[in-house]
Amino acid sequence: MSSGISRLKKHIAQIKGSASSCPNASKEDIAKCKAAVEEESKNKKEKLQEANDIREEVTIIKEEDGDEEVEIVGTRKRPHTLGPMDKYVLDINPRKKMMGQQTISATLLKAISEKVDSFLARWVYEAGIPFHAIDNNSFAQFCEAVGHFGVGY
């Protein structure tokens, strides 16, 4: 079998979609695999929700609205402008999973993202920072705040 463990679990659990149903699976195997797939799905949703909650806590701009102060929380929508070709392709949403053919701007964004990753990795290596330090929630909030601020921070 050339596919991964998740697909194998779905095959044995007889979950329709990405794999065909296994005709030889016992009821016990089906129950075990269904529980494993559901647990994996639940953990993935919880992790995504936790990441979204962390990002929503970031606040860097305060705007005045009349007499009271309004705090802007969460992501601010800014267009990704990569160059003159962008007006010929659809907008990119990096949180959305790509379906179908990749666009030119998505390819450019991926290449730029890889360059940023290499600069981050070089900084982590040279500074001797433990690798698990970037898994910290405060680092994720820092990155979100830098994203809100934009170029020139």
C-alpha atoms as a PDB file:
ATOM      1  CA  MET A   1       0.000   0.000   0.000  1.00  0.00           C
ATOM      2  CA  SER A   2       1.456   3.348  -0.998  1.00  0.00           C
ATOM      3  CA  SER A   3      -0.740   5.701   1.026  1.00  0.00           C
ATOM      4  CA  GLY A   4      -0.403   6.904   4.613  1.00  0.00           C
ATOM      5  CA  ILE A   5      -1.668   5.603   7.937  1.00  0.00           C
ATOM      6  CA  SER A   6      -4.664   7.964   8.021  1.00  0.00           C
ATOM      7  CA  ARG A   7      -5.942   6.615   4.738  1.00  0.00           C
ATOM      8  CA  LEU A   8      -5.391   3.052   5.949  1.00  0.00           C
ATOM      9  CA  LYS A   9      -7.418   3.780   9.093  1.00  0.00           C
ATOM     10  CA  LYS A  10     -10.229   5.238   6.969  1.00  0.00           C
ATOM     11  CA  HIS A  11     -10.080   2.150   4.733  1.00  0.00           C
ATOM     12  CA  ILE A  12     -10.434  -0.222   7.694  1.00  0.00           C
ATOM     13  CA  ALA A  13     -13.034   1.989   9.412  1.00  0.00           C
ATOM     14  CA  GLN A  14     -15.019   1.992   6.143  1.00  0.00           C
ATOM     15  CA  ILE A  15     -15.228   5.787   6.065  1.00  0.00           C
ATOM     16  CA  LYS A  16     -16.227   6.914   2.602  1.00  0.00           C
ATOM     17  CA  GLY A  17     -14.318   9.631   0.782  1.00  0.00           C
ATOM     18  CA  SER A  18     -10.582   9.176   0.503  1.00  0.00           C
ATOM     19  CA  ALA A  19     -10.459   5.371   0.611  1.00  0.00           C
ATOM     20  CA  SER A  20     -12.551   2.384  -0.384  1.00  0.00           C
ATOM     21  CA  SER A  21     -14.140   0.271   2.349  1.00  0.00           C
ATOM     22  CA  CYS A  22     -12.268  -2.810   3.551  1.00  0.00           C
ATOM     23  CA  PRO A  23     -14.379  -5.938   3.027  1.00  0.00           C
ATOM     24  CA  ASN A  24     -12.203  -8.047   5.369  1.00  0.00           C
ATOM     25  CA  ALA A  25     -12.282  -5.816   8.477  1.00  0.00           C
ATOM     26  CA  SER A  26     -13.841  -7.196  11.645  1.00  0.00           C
ATOM     27  CA  LYS A  27     -16.329  -5.156  13.673  1.00  0.00           C
ATOM     28  CA  GLU A  28     -13.700  -4.708  16.387  1.00  0.00           C
ATOM     29  CA  ASP A  29     -11.151  -3.335  13.886  1.00  0.00           C
ATOM     30  CA  ILE A  30     -13.769  -1.034  12.371  1.00  0.00           C
ATOM     31  CA  ALA A  31     -14.641   0.366  15.820  1.00  0.00           C
ATOM     32  CA  LYS A  32     -10.963   0.891  16.759  1.00  0.00           C
ATOM     33  CA  CYS A  33     -10.149   2.668  13.517  1.00  0.00           C
ATOM     34  CA  LYS A  34     -13.281   4.840  13.636  1.00  0.00           C
ATOM     35  CA  ALA A  35     -12.358   5.908  17.171  1.00  0.00           C
ATOM     36  CA  ALA A  36      -8.788   6.698  16.066  1.00  0.00           C
ATOM     37  CA  VAL A  37      -9.972   8.742  13.061  1.00  0.00           C
ATOM     38  CA  GLU A  38     -12.506  10.658  15.164  1.00  0.00           C
ATOM     39  CA  GLU A  39      -9.880  11.343  17.855  1.00  0.00           C
ATOM     40  CA  GLU A  40      -7.446  12.608  15.225  1.00  0.00           C
ATOM     41  CA  SER A  41     -10.112  14.865  13.736  1.00  0.00           C
ATOM     42  CA  LYS A  42     -11.076  16.181  17.178  1.00  0.00           C
ATOM     43  CA  ASN A  43      -7.434  16.896  18.081  1.00  0.00           C
ATOM     44  CA  LYS A  44      -6.866  18.695  14.778  1.00  0.00           C
ATOM     45  CA  LYS A  45      -9.947  20.900  15.328  1.00  0.00           C
ATOM     46  CA  GLU A  46      -8.894  21.700  18.902  1.00  0.00           C
ATOM     47  CA  LYS A  47      -5.379  22.625  17.785  1.00  0.00           C
ATOM     48  CA  LEU A  48      -6.752  24.863  15.023  1.00  0.00           C
ATOM     49  CA  GLN A  49      -9.175  26.534  17.442  1.00  0.00           C
ATOM     50  CA  GLU A  50      -6.360  27.105  19.951  1.00  0.00           C
ATOM     51  CA  ALA A  51      -4.187  28.689  17.248  1.00  0.00           C
ATOM     52  CA  ASN A  52      -7.078  30.938  16.182  1.00  0.00           C
ATOM     53  CA  ASP A  53      -7.707  31.958  19.809  1.00  0.00           C
ATOM     54  CA  ILE A  54      -4.039  32.877  20.221  1.00  0.00           C
ATOM     55  CA  ARG A  55      -4.108  34.963  17.040  1.00  0.00           C
ATOM     56  CA  GLU A  56      -7.305  36.739  18.090  1.00  0.00           C
ATOM     57  CA  GLU A  57      -5.683  37.900  21.347  1.00  0.00           C
ATOM     58  CA  VAL A  58      -3.203  40.069  19.450  1.00  0.00           C
ATOM     59  CA  THR A  59      -3.994  43.776  19.602  1.00  0.00           C
ATOM     60  CA  ILE A  60      -1.627  46.440  18.312  1.00  0.00           C
ATOM     61  CA  ILE A  61      -3.842  49.279  17.077  1.00  0.00           C
ATOM     62  CA  LYS A  62      -6.251  51.398  19.052  1.00  0.00           C
ATOM     63  CA  GLU A  63      -8.654  53.622  17.157  1.00  0.00           C
ATOM     64  CA  GLU A  64     -10.685  56.437  18.611  1.00  0.00           C
ATOM     65  CA  ASP A  65     -14.401  56.381  17.799  1.00  0.00           C
ATOM     66  CA  GLY A  66     -15.946  59.573  19.096  1.00  0.00           C
ATOM     67  CA  ASP A  67     -15.668  59.704  22.882  1.00  0.00           C
ATOM     68  CA  GLU A  68     -14.818  56.078  23.502  1.00  0.00           C
ATOM     69  CA  GLU A  69     -11.748  54.167  22.471  1.00  0.00           C
ATOM     70  CA  VAL A  70     -12.261  51.094  20.275  1.00  0.00           C
ATOM     71  CA  GLU A  71      -9.623  48.390  20.365  1.00  0.00           C
ATOM     72  CA  ILE A  72      -9.011  46.430  17.176  1.00  0.00           C
ATOM     73  CA  VAL A  73      -8.512  42.770  17.974  1.00  0.00           C
ATOM     74  CA  GLY A  74      -7.600  39.939  15.645  1.00  0.00           C
ATOM     75  CA  THR A  75      -6.552  39.972  12.061  1.00  0.00           C
ATOM     76  CA  ARG A  76      -6.778  43.053   9.887  1.00  0.00           C
ATOM     77  CA  LYS A  77      -7.344  42.322   6.248  1.00  0.00           C
ATOM     78  CA  ARG A  78      -4.525  43.620   4.093  1.00  0.00           C
ATOM     79  CA  PRO A  79      -4.161  42.653   0.468  1.00  0.00           C
ATOM     80  CA  HIS A  80      -1.139  40.601  -0.506  1.00  0.00           C
ATOM     81  CA  THR A  81       0.541  42.573  -3.256  1.00  0.00           C
ATOM     82  CA  LEU A  82       3.371  40.680  -4.874  1.00  0.00           C
ATOM     83  CA  GLY A  83       3.627  42.409  -8.224  1.00  0.00           C
ATOM     84  CA  PRO A  84       1.886  43.371 -11.450  1.00  0.00           C
ATOM     85  CA  MET A  85       0.726  39.806 -12.169  1.00  0.00           C
ATOM     86  CA  ASP A  86      -1.490  39.786  -9.080  1.00  0.00           C
ATOM     87  CA  LYS A  87      -4.266  41.699 -10.806  1.00  0.00           C
ATOM     88  CA  TYR A  88      -4.725  38.725 -13.177  1.00  0.00           C
ATOM     89  CA  VAL A  89      -5.187  36.053 -10.501  1.00  0.00           C
ATOM     90  CA  LEU A  90      -7.536  35.544  -7.561  1.00  0.00           C
ATOM     91  CA  ASP A  91      -6.695  36.729  -4.049  1.00  0.00           C
ATOM     92  CA  ILE A  92      -4.810  34.344  -1.822  1.00  0.00           C
ATOM     93  CA  ASN A  93      -6.132  33.156   1.506  1.00  0.00           C
ATOM     94  CA  PRO A  94      -3.199  31.358   3.206  1.00  0.00           C
ATOM     95  CA  ARG A  95      -5.522  29.683   5.738  1.00  0.00           C
ATOM     96  CA  LYS A  96      -7.614  28.096   2.987  1.00  0.00           C
ATOM     97  CA  LYS A  97      -6.494  24.750   1.639  1.00  0.00           C
ATOM     98  CA  MET A  98      -5.664  24.957  -2.058  1.00  0.00           C
ATOM     99  CA  MET A  99      -8.026  22.958  -4.249  1.00  0.00           C
ATOM    100  CA  GLY A 100      -7.124  22.418  -7.866  1.00  0.00           C
ATOM    101  CA  GLN A 101      -4.393  24.108  -9.797  1.00  0.00           C
ATOM    102  CA  GLN A 102      -2.036  26.453  -7.999  1.00  0.00           C
ATOM    103  CA  THR A 103      -2.048  30.098  -9.040  1.00  0.00           C
ATOM    104  CA  ILE A 104       1.011  32.172  -9.880  1.00  0.00           C
ATOM    105  CA  SER A 105       0.581  34.339  -6.787  1.00  0.00           C
ATOM    106  CA  ALA A 106       0.265  31.257  -4.561  1.00  0.00           C
ATOM    107  CA  THR A 107       3.524  29.938  -5.980  1.00  0.00           C
ATOM    108  CA  LEU A 108       5.216  33.296  -5.376  1.00  0.00           C
ATOM    109  CA  LEU A 109       3.841  33.408  -1.831  1.00  0.00           C
ATOM    110  CA  LYS A 110       5.172  29.903  -1.193  1.00  0.00           C
ATOM    111  CA  ALA A 111       8.646  30.843  -2.446  1.00  0.00           C
ATOM    112  CA  ILE A 112       8.689  33.995  -0.319  1.00  0.00           C
ATOM    113  CA  SER A 113       7.439  32.026   2.686  1.00  0.00           C
ATOM    114  CA  GLU A 114      10.276  29.516   2.269  1.00  0.00           C
ATOM    115  CA  LYS A 115      12.806  32.369   2.194  1.00  0.00           C
ATOM    116  CA  VAL A 116      11.325  33.831   5.386  1.00  0.00           C
ATOM    117  CA  ASP A 117      11.476  30.362   6.969  1.00  0.00           C
ATOM    118  CA  SER A 118      15.158  30.067   6.082  1.00  0.00           C
ATOM    119  CA  PHE A 119      15.910  33.470   7.655  1.00  0.00           C
ATOM    120  CA  LEU A 120      14.027  32.439  10.796  1.00  0.00           C
ATOM    121  CA  ALA A 121      15.897  29.122  10.919  1.00  0.00           C
ATOM    122  CA  ARG A 122      19.268  30.829  10.456  1.00  0.00           C
ATOM    123  CA  TRP A 123      18.477  33.237  13.301  1.00  0.00           C
ATOM    124  CA  VAL A 124      17.402  30.369  15.583  1.00  0.00           C
ATOM    125  CA  TYR A 125      20.578  28.386  14.767  1.00  0.00           C
ATOM    126  CA  GLU A 126      22.979  31.318  15.161  1.00  0.00           C
ATOM    127  CA  ALA A 127      21.387  32.611  18.361  1.00  0.00           C
ATOM    128  CA  GLY A 128      21.333  29.136  19.894  1.00  0.00           C
ATOM    129  CA  ILE A 129      17.624  29.323  20.671  1.00  0.00           C
ATOM    130  CA  PRO A 130      16.047  25.946  21.525  1.00  0.00           C
ATOM    131  CA  PHE A 131      13.872  24.724  18.668  1.00  0.00           C
ATOM    132  CA  HIS A 132      10.806  24.284  20.896  1.00  0.00           C
ATOM    133  CA  ALA A 133      10.887  28.021  21.761  1.00  0.00           C
ATOM    134  CA  ILE A 134       8.969  28.869  18.573  1.00  0.00           C
ATOM    135  CA  ASP A 135       6.154  26.504  19.616  1.00  0.00           C
ATOM    136  CA  ASN A 136       5.380  28.907  22.461  1.00  0.00           C
ATOM    137  CA  ASN A 137       2.062  30.791  22.271  1.00  0.00           C
ATOM    138  CA  SER A 138       3.764  34.117  22.931  1.00  0.00           C
ATOM    139  CA  PHE A 139       5.947  33.617  19.841  1.00  0.00           C
ATOM    140  CA  ALA A 140       2.831  32.987  17.744  1.00  0.00           C
ATOM    141  CA  GLN A 141       1.295  36.189  19.112  1.00  0.00           C
ATOM    142  CA  PHE A 142       4.503  38.090  18.336  1.00  0.00           C
ATOM    143  CA  CYS A 143       4.400  36.854  14.730  1.00  0.00           C
ATOM    144  CA  GLU A 144       0.739  37.844  14.437  1.00  0.00           C
ATOM    145  CA  ALA A 145       1.525  41.327  15.766  1.00  0.00           C
ATOM    146  CA  VAL A 146       4.368  41.724  13.259  1.00  0.00           C
ATOM    147  CA  GLY A 147       1.951  40.670  10.530  1.00  0.00           C
ATOM    148  CA  HIS A 148      -0.522  43.323  11.664  1.00  0.00           C
ATOM    149  CA  PHE A 149       2.162  45.967  11.717  1.00  0.00           C
ATOM    150  CA  GLY A 150       3.397  45.131   8.241  1.00  0.00           C
ATOM    151  CA  VAL A 151       6.577  46.055   6.453  1.00  0.00           C
ATOM    152  CA  GLY A 152       9.123  48.134   8.303  1.00  0.00           C
ATOM    153  CA  TYR A 153       8.847  46.784  11.825  1.00  0.00           C
END
